[in-house]
């Protein structure tokens, strides 16, 4: 009968939905930066597991949850995951994607709205772990800090180390076989794909109209 608890329990499934979304996006887009983003999330989870097994701080109510994969709770893996995802996405939105069209106000508006949504979801998922008695406030707080620091470090690593290598990686025979591509030189991939698709659709429509005459 606890509606708030049920809602927060569903929100705590956020990392699972994000992973499924990433796998789906990689299958259909096959873009190197997206693959790197997922690699960063996986590395972040590995770091979380390592920290937990070094500190070995128990959860607040171990007897309340018999299905958890580990009895250690410092730092919260959900909190660390969500803050890594949110902070990295924030950096990507404001530092990686640049303005290329004339809709400056609308472009900034949707970035601000999306950023607020990302932070809100991260806060709610973090709060859910305390509300559902999986973690203490300190475990959630340190998880958020660890995820944020990891996101900044991985974003810098991707931009400074991996991105210059992407054109070379995309030219590998195995990358060409799996249609893996590099869009790092395109400042706003959404705007680029929109304009290219629109132009191609109009071109095909024009050719089809000529054949029917």
Protein backbone atom coordinates (compact mmCIF):
# COMPACT_ATOMS: atom_id res chain seq x y z
CA UNK A 1 0.00 0.00 0.00
CA UNK A 2 3.03 2.31 0.04
CA UNK A 3 2.60 4.11 -3.29
CA UNK A 4 5.74 6.23 -2.77
CA UNK A 5 7.79 3.13 -2.06
CA UNK A 6 6.46 1.38 -5.17
CA UNK A 7 7.21 4.42 -7.33
CA UNK A 8 10.73 4.74 -5.94
CA UNK A 9 11.27 1.01 -6.42
CA UNK A 10 10.43 1.38 -10.11
CA UNK A 11 12.73 4.42 -10.34
CA UNK A 12 15.56 2.39 -8.84
CA UNK A 13 15.37 0.18 -11.93
CA UNK A 14 16.73 3.15 -13.90
CA UNK A 15 20.22 1.66 -14.41
CA UNK A 16 18.71 -1.44 -16.02
CA UNK A 17 16.65 0.64 -18.46
CA UNK A 18 19.70 2.78 -19.26
CA UNK A 19 21.85 -0.28 -20.04
CA UNK A 20 19.12 -1.73 -22.27
CA UNK A 21 18.82 1.64 -23.99
CA UNK A 22 22.57 1.82 -24.58
CA UNK A 23 22.72 -1.69 -26.05
CA UNK A 24 19.79 -0.86 -28.35
CA UNK A 25 21.40 2.45 -29.39
CA UNK A 26 24.73 0.77 -30.12
CA UNK A 27 23.06 -1.94 -32.21
CA UNK A 28 21.25 0.63 -34.38
CA UNK A 29 23.75 3.53 -34.38
CA UNK A 30 27.11 1.74 -33.94
CA UNK A 31 28.85 4.98 -32.97
CA UNK A 32 32.20 4.96 -31.19
CA UNK A 33 31.41 7.66 -28.64
CA UNK A 34 28.29 5.77 -27.55
CA UNK A 35 30.37 2.60 -27.19
CA UNK A 36 32.89 4.57 -25.13
CA UNK A 37 30.10 5.92 -22.92
CA UNK A 38 28.89 2.38 -22.20
CA UNK A 39 32.48 1.32 -21.53
CA UNK A 40 32.76 4.13 -18.99
CA UNK A 41 29.59 2.95 -17.23
CA UNK A 42 31.00 -0.59 -17.07
CA UNK A 43 34.32 0.69 -15.72
CA UNK A 44 32.44 2.78 -13.16
CA UNK A 45 30.62 -0.34 -11.96
CA UNK A 46 33.94 -2.15 -11.64
CA UNK A 47 35.36 0.66 -9.52
CA UNK A 48 32.25 0.57 -7.33
CA UNK A 49 32.64 -3.16 -6.76
CA UNK A 50 36.30 -2.68 -5.86
CA UNK A 51 35.59 0.12 -3.37
CA UNK A 52 32.79 -1.89 -1.74
CA UNK A 53 35.05 -4.88 -1.21
CA UNK A 54 37.83 -2.71 0.21
CA UNK A 55 35.67 -0.72 2.66
CA UNK A 56 33.20 -3.56 3.43
CA UNK A 57 30.66 -1.35 5.14
CA UNK A 58 27.38 -3.27 5.65
CA UNK A 59 23.98 -2.14 4.48
CA UNK A 60 21.70 -0.48 7.07
CA UNK A 61 19.14 -3.32 7.14
CA UNK A 62 20.72 -6.49 5.77
CA UNK A 63 17.87 -8.69 7.00
CA UNK A 64 15.29 -6.60 5.11
CA UNK A 65 16.65 -7.52 1.66
CA UNK A 66 17.69 -11.10 1.08
CA UNK A 67 18.00 -10.74 -2.71
CA UNK A 68 20.80 -8.15 -2.91
CA UNK A 69 23.89 -9.30 -4.79
CA UNK A 70 26.32 -8.04 -2.15
CA UNK A 71 26.06 -7.36 1.56
CA UNK A 72 28.29 -4.30 1.32
CA UNK A 73 26.75 -0.88 0.82
CA UNK A 74 29.55 1.71 0.65
CA UNK A 75 29.27 3.34 -1.82
CA UNK A 76 25.79 2.89 -3.34
CA UNK A 77 26.14 1.38 -6.81
CA UNK A 78 22.79 2.82 -7.94
CA UNK A 79 23.78 6.30 -6.84
CA UNK A 80 27.24 6.03 -8.40
CA UNK A 81 25.78 4.72 -11.67
CA UNK A 82 23.10 7.38 -11.98
CA UNK A 83 25.41 10.28 -11.14
CA UNK A 84 28.03 9.00 -13.60
CA UNK A 85 25.34 8.85 -16.29
CA UNK A 86 23.87 12.27 -15.44
CA UNK A 87 27.16 14.16 -15.12
CA UNK A 88 28.65 12.59 -18.26
CA UNK A 89 25.46 13.39 -20.20
CA UNK A 90 25.58 16.97 -18.88
CA UNK A 91 29.17 17.38 -20.07
CA UNK A 92 28.28 15.84 -23.43
CA UNK A 93 25.34 18.19 -23.91
CA UNK A 94 27.24 21.38 -23.11
CA UNK A 95 30.80 20.59 -24.24
CA UNK A 96 30.46 18.02 -27.02
CA UNK A 97 27.30 19.17 -28.81
CA UNK A 98 27.61 22.66 -30.26
CA UNK A 99 25.11 24.99 -31.84
CA UNK A 100 24.90 24.64 -35.63
CA UNK A 101 21.48 26.04 -36.54
CA UNK A 102 19.69 29.34 -35.93
CA UNK A 103 17.32 28.13 -33.19
CA UNK A 104 19.64 29.26 -30.41
CA UNK A 105 16.94 29.79 -27.79
CA UNK A 106 15.19 26.47 -28.39
CA UNK A 107 18.51 24.64 -28.54
CA UNK A 108 19.56 25.97 -25.14
CA UNK A 109 16.09 25.41 -23.70
CA UNK A 110 15.95 21.71 -24.44
CA UNK A 111 19.48 21.25 -23.10
CA UNK A 112 18.55 22.98 -19.85
CA UNK A 113 15.32 20.99 -19.52
CA UNK A 114 17.09 17.71 -20.23
CA UNK A 115 19.85 18.54 -17.74
CA UNK A 116 17.28 19.30 -15.03
CA UNK A 117 15.54 15.99 -15.78
CA UNK A 118 18.83 14.08 -15.54
CA UNK A 119 19.69 15.61 -12.16
CA UNK A 120 16.15 15.07 -10.88
CA UNK A 121 16.18 11.37 -11.81
CA UNK A 122 19.62 10.91 -10.23
CA UNK A 123 18.40 12.56 -7.02
CA UNK A 124 15.24 10.45 -6.92
CA UNK A 125 17.10 7.18 -7.53
CA UNK A 126 19.62 8.10 -4.82
CA UNK A 127 16.82 8.96 -2.41
CA UNK A 128 15.03 5.69 -3.23
CA UNK A 129 18.00 3.68 -1.98
CA UNK A 130 17.69 5.30 1.46
CA UNK A 131 13.90 5.18 1.52
CA UNK A 132 13.88 1.47 0.64
CA UNK A 133 16.54 0.78 3.34
CA UNK A 134 19.20 -0.43 0.91
CA UNK A 135 21.70 2.28 1.88
CA UNK A 136 22.47 4.99 4.39
CA UNK A 137 22.67 8.67 3.46
CA UNK A 138 26.47 8.57 3.59
CA UNK A 139 26.61 5.55 1.26
CA UNK A 140 24.38 7.35 -1.24
CA UNK A 141 26.32 10.61 -0.91
CA UNK A 142 29.71 9.00 -1.47
CA UNK A 143 28.26 7.01 -4.36
CA UNK A 144 27.11 10.23 -6.00
CA UNK A 145 30.48 11.89 -5.47
CA UNK A 146 32.35 8.85 -6.82
CA UNK A 147 30.10 8.64 -9.88
CA UNK A 148 30.46 12.36 -10.62
CA UNK A 149 34.26 12.27 -10.33
CA UNK A 150 34.42 9.15 -12.49
CA UNK A 151 32.20 10.81 -15.12
CA UNK A 152 34.43 13.89 -15.33
CA UNK A 153 37.55 11.74 -15.56
CA UNK A 154 36.08 9.44 -18.21
CA UNK A 155 34.77 12.35 -20.27
CA UNK A 156 38.24 13.95 -20.23
CA UNK A 157 39.84 10.60 -21.13
CA UNK A 158 37.39 10.10 -24.00
CA UNK A 159 37.86 13.62 -25.36
CA UNK A 160 41.64 13.84 -25.02
CA UNK A 161 42.80 10.24 -25.56
CA UNK A 162 40.10 8.20 -27.32
CA UNK A 163 38.50 10.74 -29.66
CA UNK A 164 41.73 11.39 -31.66
CA UNK A 165 41.94 7.61 -32.16
CA UNK A 166 38.34 7.18 -33.32
CA UNK A 167 39.00 7.88 -37.06
CA UNK A 168 41.72 5.23 -37.04
CA UNK A 169 39.52 2.75 -35.17
CA UNK A 170 36.60 3.39 -37.54
CA UNK A 171 38.90 2.56 -40.49
CA UNK A 172 39.76 -0.88 -39.13
CA UNK A 173 38.42 -3.72 -41.34
CA UNK A 174 36.46 -5.17 -38.42
CA UNK A 175 34.88 -1.74 -37.78
CA UNK A 176 33.89 -1.43 -41.42
CA UNK A 177 32.45 -4.95 -41.35
CA UNK A 178 30.23 -4.11 -38.37
CA UNK A 179 29.47 -0.60 -39.76
CA UNK A 180 31.00 1.11 -36.73
CA UNK A 181 31.34 4.83 -37.35
CA UNK A 182 32.95 7.93 -35.91
CA UNK A 183 30.90 11.13 -35.60
CA UNK A 184 33.27 13.00 -33.30
CA UNK A 185 33.95 15.73 -35.89
CA UNK A 186 30.24 16.47 -36.27
CA UNK A 187 29.36 19.07 -33.60
CA UNK A 188 25.62 18.31 -33.37
CA UNK A 189 24.80 14.82 -34.57
CA UNK A 190 21.04 15.28 -34.12
CA UNK A 191 20.96 18.36 -36.36
CA UNK A 192 23.29 16.71 -38.88
CA UNK A 193 21.19 13.55 -39.16
CA UNK A 194 18.02 15.61 -39.43
CA UNK A 195 19.29 17.82 -42.27
CA UNK A 196 20.90 14.92 -44.19
CA UNK A 197 17.79 12.74 -43.87
CA UNK A 198 15.50 15.60 -44.92
CA UNK A 199 17.66 16.44 -47.94
CA UNK A 200 17.85 12.78 -49.01
CA UNK A 201 14.09 12.33 -48.60
CA UNK A 202 13.39 15.40 -50.75
CA UNK A 203 15.87 14.23 -53.37
CA UNK A 204 14.26 10.80 -53.58
CA UNK A 205 10.78 12.33 -53.68
CA UNK A 206 11.87 14.59 -56.54
CA UNK A 207 13.29 11.62 -58.48
CA UNK A 208 10.14 9.60 -57.87
CA UNK A 209 8.00 12.50 -59.08
CA UNK A 210 10.06 12.75 -62.28
CA UNK A 211 9.61 9.03 -63.02
CA UNK A 212 5.85 9.23 -62.56
CA UNK A 213 5.47 12.09 -65.06
